[in-house]
C-alpha atoms as a PDB file:
ATOM      1  CA  MET A   1       0.000   0.000   0.000  1.00  0.00           C
ATOM      2  CA  GLN A   2       1.303   3.466  -0.872  1.00  0.00           C
ATOM      3  CA  TYR A   3       0.495   6.509   1.249  1.00  0.00           C
ATOM      4  CA  ALA A   4      -0.001  10.058  -0.027  1.00  0.00           C
ATOM      5  CA  GLU A   5       3.068  11.157   1.940  1.00  0.00           C
ATOM      6  CA  GLY A   6       5.200   8.755  -0.108  1.00  0.00           C
ATOM      7  CA  GLY A   7       5.520   5.962   2.467  1.00  0.00           C
ATOM      8  CA  HIS A   8       4.876   2.300   1.718  1.00  0.00           C
ATOM      9  CA  THR A   9       3.683  -0.633   3.804  1.00  0.00           C
ATOM     10  CA  LEU A  10       4.638  -4.197   2.991  1.00  0.00           C
ATOM     11  CA  GLU A  11       4.711  -7.516   4.774  1.00  0.00           C
ATOM     12  CA  ALA A  12       8.089  -9.138   5.301  1.00  0.00           C
ATOM     13  CA  ASP A  13       9.716 -11.810   7.418  1.00  0.00           C
ATOM     14  CA  THR A  14      13.080 -10.019   7.442  1.00  0.00           C
ATOM     15  CA  VAL A  15      14.056  -6.399   6.751  1.00  0.00           C
ATOM     16  CA  LEU A  16      17.651  -5.284   6.212  1.00  0.00           C
ATOM     17  CA  PHE A  17      18.654  -1.635   6.478  1.00  0.00           C
ATOM     18  CA  ALA A  18      21.988  -0.711   4.900  1.00  0.00           C
ATOM     19  CA  LEU A  19      22.273   2.917   5.898  1.00  0.00           C
ATOM     20  CA  GLY A  20      24.938   5.240   4.575  1.00  0.00           C
ATOM     21  CA  MET A  21      28.677   5.354   4.733  1.00  0.00           C
ATOM     22  CA  LYS A  22      29.242   6.707   8.242  1.00  0.00           C
ATOM     23  CA  SER A  23      28.267   5.661  11.741  1.00  0.00           C
ATOM     24  CA  VAL A  24      25.212   7.333  13.244  1.00  0.00           C
ATOM     25  CA  ASP A  25      23.258   6.818  16.458  1.00  0.00           C
ATOM     26  CA  LEU A  26      20.904   3.936  15.678  1.00  0.00           C
ATOM     27  CA  ALA A  27      19.491   3.768  19.221  1.00  0.00           C
ATOM     28  CA  PRO A  28      16.160   5.467  18.334  1.00  0.00           C
ATOM     29  CA  LEU A  29      15.565   3.190  15.323  1.00  0.00           C
ATOM     30  CA  LYS A  30      16.593   0.090  17.299  1.00  0.00           C
ATOM     31  CA  SER A  31      14.365   1.080  20.229  1.00  0.00           C
ATOM     32  CA  ALA A  32      11.365   1.719  17.969  1.00  0.00           C
ATOM     33  CA  ALA A  33      11.809  -1.639  16.225  1.00  0.00           C
ATOM     34  CA  GLU A  34      12.151  -3.504  19.510  1.00  0.00           C
ATOM     35  CA  ALA A  35       9.121  -1.662  20.956  1.00  0.00           C
ATOM     36  CA  ALA A  36       7.167  -2.997  17.964  1.00  0.00           C
ATOM     37  CA  GLY A  37       8.283  -6.521  18.914  1.00  0.00           C
ATOM     38  CA  LEU A  38      10.928  -6.873  16.203  1.00  0.00           C
ATOM     39  CA  LYS A  39      14.315  -8.519  16.714  1.00  0.00           C
ATOM     40  CA  THR A  40      17.211  -6.268  15.744  1.00  0.00           C
ATOM     41  CA  TRP A  41      20.916  -6.671  15.089  1.00  0.00           C
ATOM     42  CA  VAL A  42      23.414  -3.862  14.629  1.00  0.00           C
ATOM     43  CA  ILE A  43      26.450  -4.908  12.617  1.00  0.00           C
ATOM     44  CA  GLY A  44      29.661  -3.698  11.054  1.00  0.00           C
ATOM     45  CA  ASP A  45      30.717  -0.064  11.340  1.00  0.00           C
ATOM     46  CA  ALA A  46      27.386   0.738  13.011  1.00  0.00           C
ATOM     47  CA  ILE A  47      28.854  -0.917  16.111  1.00  0.00           C
ATOM     48  CA  GLN A  48      32.172   0.895  15.791  1.00  0.00           C
ATOM     49  CA  PRO A  49      34.445   1.781  12.875  1.00  0.00           C
ATOM     50  CA  GLY A  50      36.639  -1.175  12.065  1.00  0.00           C
ATOM     51  CA  LYS A  51      38.083  -3.321   9.340  1.00  0.00           C
ATOM     52  CA  VAL A  52      36.178  -5.156   6.643  1.00  0.00           C
ATOM     53  CA  ASP A  53      36.840  -8.581   8.180  1.00  0.00           C
ATOM     54  CA  GLN A  54      35.234  -7.474  11.460  1.00  0.00           C
ATOM     55  CA  ALA A  55      32.209  -6.023   9.661  1.00  0.00           C
ATOM     56  CA  THR A  56      31.836  -9.140   7.520  1.00  0.00           C
ATOM     57  CA  ARG A  57      32.024 -11.405  10.564  1.00  0.00           C
ATOM     58  CA  SER A  58      29.376  -9.447  12.470  1.00  0.00           C
ATOM     59  CA  ALA A  59      27.125  -9.585   9.388  1.00  0.00           C
ATOM     60  CA  TYR A  60      27.712 -13.325   9.059  1.00  0.00           C
ATOM     61  CA  LEU A  61      26.844 -13.948  12.713  1.00  0.00           C
ATOM     62  CA  ALA A  62      23.709 -11.796  12.455  1.00  0.00           C
ATOM     63  CA  GLY A  63      22.682 -13.718   9.337  1.00  0.00           C
ATOM     64  CA  ILE A  64      22.925 -16.984  11.240  1.00  0.00           C
ATOM     65  CA  GLU A  65      20.711 -15.558  13.997  1.00  0.00           C
ATOM     66  CA  VAL A  66      18.152 -14.246  11.498  1.00  0.00           C
ATOM     67  CA  GLY A  67      17.956 -17.704   9.905  1.00  0.00           C
ATOM     68  CA  ARG A  68      17.081 -19.415  13.196  1.00  0.00           C
END
């Protein structure tokens, strides 16, 4: 469904947000999702700036959890 304001609603089992190229405070988004009863995982540079192997590992581990 599309709203006049430009928003959309869709049903999904899993939603992935890949947001930007720099770390920002995700606490409000995470809190809102959890308040709605959704499981959340913060991965990669959203945790703290690091190296690609650390980001890839955190994504891998979150993917395993999502698949459970």
